[in-house]
Amino acid sequence: MDLGHAVSEINFVAVLVAALSNFILGGLWYSRALLGKPWMEASGMTEEKAREGNMARTFGVAFILELIAAFVLSIFIGAGSDLHFGAMAGFYVGLFWVGGGLGVIYLFEQRPLKHWLVNAGYMTIAFTLMGAILGAWS
C-alpha cells in the first residue's frame, strides 16, 4: 500500500477525537490533582515560571502536535485494524518509542527518574488511548 492510499483511508473524525483525548488526558495528568506537583518538582518548573509563558501559544501548538501524532499513528495502525490492535500499537509506540527516546535523552541530561516516569507514563497512556480510538474507528 502506498502512502497516498493510506492517507485516503484515514478517518479524520477519529484523528480529531484521538488528538482531543490526548489533550484532555494531558490536562488531567499534569493537573495538581494528579501528577502536576511531582512533575513540577522533577522538571524544575514553578508556578511563577509557568505563568510567564504564552499559554495560548503553548496549548495551541500542543494541540497541533497532538493532531499530527494522531494522524501519523492512524497511518501506522492502518485501515481495517481494531480496538485491540490499535491499543497495543499505541502502547508500544508510547512506551518503547516515545518513552525509550525520552529515557535516552533524560540519561544524558541527568534528569531524575521521577521526571521520566511522569512523562513516559503520560505518553504511554496517551498513545494507548489514541491507538484504541483510531483502531476502533478504522
C-alpha atoms as a PDB file:
ATOM      1  CA  MET A   1       0.000   0.000   0.000  1.00  0.00           C
ATOM      2  CA  ASP A   2       1.335   3.422  -0.862  1.00  0.00           C
ATOM      3  CA  LEU A   3       1.187   6.460   1.379  1.00  0.00           C
ATOM      4  CA  GLY A   4      -1.472   8.211  -0.706  1.00  0.00           C
ATOM      5  CA  HIS A   5      -3.758   5.222  -0.380  1.00  0.00           C
ATOM      6  CA  ALA A   6      -3.095   5.003   3.375  1.00  0.00           C
ATOM      7  CA  VAL A   7      -3.919   8.690   3.828  1.00  0.00           C
ATOM      8  CA  SER A   8      -7.120   8.351   1.784  1.00  0.00           C
ATOM      9  CA  GLU A   9      -8.385   5.712   4.227  1.00  0.00           C
ATOM     10  CA  ILE A  10      -7.857   7.789   7.369  1.00  0.00           C
ATOM     11  CA  ASN A  11     -10.908   8.513   9.490  1.00  0.00           C
ATOM     12  CA  PHE A  12     -10.329  12.198  10.205  1.00  0.00           C
ATOM     13  CA  VAL A  13     -13.058  12.329  12.856  1.00  0.00           C
ATOM     14  CA  ALA A  14     -11.211   9.571  14.723  1.00  0.00           C
ATOM     15  CA  VAL A  15      -7.947  11.512  14.351  1.00  0.00           C
ATOM     16  CA  LEU A  16      -9.596  14.609  15.846  1.00  0.00           C
ATOM     17  CA  VAL A  17     -11.137  12.618  18.726  1.00  0.00           C
ATOM     18  CA  ALA A  18      -7.808  10.867  19.377  1.00  0.00           C
ATOM     19  CA  ALA A  19      -5.990  14.217  19.500  1.00  0.00           C
ATOM     20  CA  LEU A  20      -8.651  15.629  21.824  1.00  0.00           C
ATOM     21  CA  SER A  21      -8.295  12.597  24.100  1.00  0.00           C
ATOM     22  CA  ASN A  22      -4.547  13.252  24.316  1.00  0.00           C
ATOM     23  CA  PHE A  23      -5.172  16.930  25.081  1.00  0.00           C
ATOM     24  CA  ILE A  24      -7.715  16.141  27.818  1.00  0.00           C
ATOM     25  CA  LEU A  25      -5.554  13.386  29.320  1.00  0.00           C
ATOM     26  CA  GLY A  26      -2.599  15.786  29.460  1.00  0.00           C
ATOM     27  CA  GLY A  27      -4.700  18.359  31.269  1.00  0.00           C
ATOM     28  CA  LEU A  28      -5.703  15.776  33.846  1.00  0.00           C
ATOM     29  CA  TRP A  29      -2.304  14.032  34.100  1.00  0.00           C
ATOM     30  CA  TYR A  30      -0.365  17.238  34.755  1.00  0.00           C
ATOM     31  CA  SER A  31      -3.024  18.813  36.990  1.00  0.00           C
ATOM     32  CA  ARG A  32      -2.482  19.441  40.686  1.00  0.00           C
ATOM     33  CA  ALA A  33      -5.000  16.674  41.412  1.00  0.00           C
ATOM     34  CA  LEU A  34      -2.840  14.023  39.758  1.00  0.00           C
ATOM     35  CA  LEU A  35       0.856  14.356  38.852  1.00  0.00           C
ATOM     36  CA  GLY A  36       1.329  18.105  38.457  1.00  0.00           C
ATOM     37  CA  LYS A  37       3.248  18.547  41.684  1.00  0.00           C
ATOM     38  CA  PRO A  38       5.697  15.631  41.165  1.00  0.00           C
ATOM     39  CA  TRP A  39       6.217  16.759  37.565  1.00  0.00           C
ATOM     40  CA  MET A  40       6.933  20.337  38.648  1.00  0.00           C
ATOM     41  CA  GLU A  41       9.402  19.153  41.277  1.00  0.00           C
ATOM     42  CA  ALA A  42      11.200  16.813  38.874  1.00  0.00           C
ATOM     43  CA  SER A  43      11.290  19.264  35.954  1.00  0.00           C
ATOM     44  CA  GLY A  44      12.192  22.353  37.940  1.00  0.00           C
ATOM     45  CA  MET A  45       9.027  24.133  36.803  1.00  0.00           C
ATOM     46  CA  THR A  46       7.480  26.638  39.184  1.00  0.00           C
ATOM     47  CA  GLU A  47       4.048  28.279  39.255  1.00  0.00           C
ATOM     48  CA  GLU A  48       5.715  31.622  38.526  1.00  0.00           C
ATOM     49  CA  LYS A  49       7.641  30.294  35.532  1.00  0.00           C
ATOM     50  CA  ALA A  50       4.510  28.604  34.187  1.00  0.00           C
ATOM     51  CA  ARG A  51       2.584  31.904  34.373  1.00  0.00           C
ATOM     52  CA  GLU A  52       5.311  33.678  32.389  1.00  0.00           C
ATOM     53  CA  GLY A  53       4.680  31.516  29.329  1.00  0.00           C
ATOM     54  CA  ASN A  54       2.303  32.300  26.481  1.00  0.00           C
ATOM     55  CA  MET A  55      -0.406  29.773  27.365  1.00  0.00           C
ATOM     56  CA  ALA A  56      -2.467  30.350  24.205  1.00  0.00           C
ATOM     57  CA  ARG A  57       0.575  29.554  22.057  1.00  0.00           C
ATOM     58  CA  THR A  58       1.588  26.620  24.245  1.00  0.00           C
ATOM     59  CA  PHE A  59      -1.841  24.980  24.183  1.00  0.00           C
ATOM     60  CA  GLY A  60      -2.404  25.805  20.501  1.00  0.00           C
ATOM     61  CA  VAL A  61       0.894  24.351  19.330  1.00  0.00           C
ATOM     62  CA  ALA A  62       0.486  21.369  21.678  1.00  0.00           C
ATOM     63  CA  PHE A  63      -2.887  20.569  20.118  1.00  0.00           C
ATOM     64  CA  ILE A  64      -1.476  20.857  16.585  1.00  0.00           C
ATOM     65  CA  LEU A  65       1.333  18.465  17.542  1.00  0.00           C
ATOM     66  CA  GLU A  66      -1.217  16.066  19.043  1.00  0.00           C
ATOM     67  CA  LEU A  67      -3.214  16.204  15.787  1.00  0.00           C
ATOM     68  CA  ILE A  68      -0.072  15.370  13.820  1.00  0.00           C
ATOM     69  CA  ALA A  69       0.747  12.493  16.192  1.00  0.00           C
ATOM     70  CA  ALA A  70      -2.787  11.098  15.878  1.00  0.00           C
ATOM     71  CA  PHE A  71      -2.664  11.460  12.083  1.00  0.00           C
ATOM     72  CA  VAL A  72       0.640   9.599  11.783  1.00  0.00           C
ATOM     73  CA  LEU A  73      -0.439   6.958  14.308  1.00  0.00           C
ATOM     74  CA  SER A  74      -3.534   6.413  12.169  1.00  0.00           C
ATOM     75  CA  ILE A  75      -1.327   5.754   9.136  1.00  0.00           C
ATOM     76  CA  PHE A  76       0.846   3.419  11.217  1.00  0.00           C
ATOM     77  CA  ILE A  77      -2.135   1.451  12.553  1.00  0.00           C
ATOM     78  CA  GLY A  78      -3.723   1.308   9.121  1.00  0.00           C
ATOM     79  CA  ALA A  79      -7.240   0.759   7.872  1.00  0.00           C
ATOM     80  CA  GLY A  80      -9.040  -2.368   8.919  1.00  0.00           C
ATOM     81  CA  SER A  81      -7.456  -2.668  12.344  1.00  0.00           C
ATOM     82  CA  ASP A  82      -9.467  -2.982  15.531  1.00  0.00           C
ATOM     83  CA  LEU A  83      -9.533  -1.601  19.055  1.00  0.00           C
ATOM     84  CA  HIS A  84      -7.173  -4.267  20.416  1.00  0.00           C
ATOM     85  CA  PHE A  85      -4.555  -3.865  17.696  1.00  0.00           C
ATOM     86  CA  GLY A  86      -4.787  -0.063  17.886  1.00  0.00           C
ATOM     87  CA  ALA A  87      -4.411  -0.045  21.666  1.00  0.00           C
ATOM     88  CA  MET A  88      -1.435  -2.412  21.565  1.00  0.00           C
ATOM     89  CA  ALA A  89       0.259  -0.475  18.750  1.00  0.00           C
ATOM     90  CA  GLY A  90      -0.296   2.763  20.686  1.00  0.00           C
ATOM     91  CA  PHE A  91       1.053   1.183  23.865  1.00  0.00           C
ATOM     92  CA  TYR A  92       4.228   0.021  22.108  1.00  0.00           C
ATOM     93  CA  VAL A  93       4.716   3.406  20.429  1.00  0.00           C
ATOM     94  CA  GLY A  94       4.160   5.277  23.701  1.00  0.00           C
ATOM     95  CA  LEU A  95       6.299   3.121  25.950  1.00  0.00           C
ATOM     96  CA  PHE A  96       9.099   1.939  23.693  1.00  0.00           C
ATOM     97  CA  TRP A  97       9.472   4.625  21.021  1.00  0.00           C
ATOM     98  CA  VAL A  98       8.493   7.793  22.870  1.00  0.00           C
ATOM     99  CA  GLY A  99       9.302   6.605  26.409  1.00  0.00           C
ATOM    100  CA  GLY A 100      12.523   4.985  25.243  1.00  0.00           C
ATOM    101  CA  GLY A 101      13.549   8.113  23.368  1.00  0.00           C
ATOM    102  CA  LEU A 102      12.821  10.269  26.398  1.00  0.00           C
ATOM    103  CA  GLY A 103      14.787   7.808  28.522  1.00  0.00           C
ATOM    104  CA  VAL A 104      17.916   8.206  26.401  1.00  0.00           C
ATOM    105  CA  ILE A 105      17.655  11.998  26.477  1.00  0.00           C
ATOM    106  CA  TYR A 106      16.960  12.030  30.224  1.00  0.00           C
ATOM    107  CA  LEU A 107      20.002   9.843  30.885  1.00  0.00           C
ATOM    108  CA  PHE A 108      22.327  12.263  29.112  1.00  0.00           C
ATOM    109  CA  GLU A 109      20.630  15.289  30.661  1.00  0.00           C
ATOM    110  CA  GLN A 110      20.843  13.566  34.064  1.00  0.00           C
ATOM    111  CA  ARG A 111      17.182  14.205  34.803  1.00  0.00           C
ATOM    112  CA  PRO A 112      15.562  12.396  37.724  1.00  0.00           C
ATOM    113  CA  LEU A 113      13.848   9.042  37.213  1.00  0.00           C
ATOM    114  CA  LYS A 114      10.640  10.570  38.604  1.00  0.00           C
ATOM    115  CA  HIS A 115      10.604  13.029  35.694  1.00  0.00           C
ATOM    116  CA  TRP A 116      10.854  10.185  33.175  1.00  0.00           C
ATOM    117  CA  LEU A 117       8.184   8.153  34.966  1.00  0.00           C
ATOM    118  CA  VAL A 118       5.685  11.022  34.852  1.00  0.00           C
ATOM    119  CA  ASN A 119       6.343  11.952  31.222  1.00  0.00           C
ATOM    120  CA  ALA A 120       6.793   8.450  29.797  1.00  0.00           C
ATOM    121  CA  GLY A 121       3.754   7.279  31.756  1.00  0.00           C
ATOM    122  CA  TYR A 122       1.672  10.037  30.202  1.00  0.00           C
ATOM    123  CA  MET A 123       2.946   9.256  26.711  1.00  0.00           C
ATOM    124  CA  THR A 124       2.279   5.541  27.134  1.00  0.00           C
ATOM    125  CA  ILE A 125      -1.298   6.070  28.269  1.00  0.00           C
ATOM    126  CA  ALA A 126      -1.897   8.838  25.701  1.00  0.00           C
ATOM    127  CA  PHE A 127      -0.714   6.734  22.755  1.00  0.00           C
ATOM    128  CA  THR A 128      -2.564   3.662  24.027  1.00  0.00           C
ATOM    129  CA  LEU A 129      -5.776   5.670  24.216  1.00  0.00           C
ATOM    130  CA  MET A 130      -5.217   7.288  20.826  1.00  0.00           C
ATOM    131  CA  GLY A 131      -4.419   3.909  19.277  1.00  0.00           C
ATOM    132  CA  ALA A 132      -7.566   2.375  20.772  1.00  0.00           C
ATOM    133  CA  ILE A 133      -9.708   5.188  19.349  1.00  0.00           C
ATOM    134  CA  LEU A 134      -8.068   5.013  15.930  1.00  0.00           C
ATOM    135  CA  GLY A 135      -8.201   1.221  15.810  1.00  0.00           C
ATOM    136  CA  ALA A 136     -11.837   1.060  16.852  1.00  0.00           C
ATOM    137  CA  TRP A 137     -12.834   3.603  14.182  1.00  0.00           C
ATOM    138  CA  SER A 138     -10.693   2.329  11.320  1.00  0.00           C
END
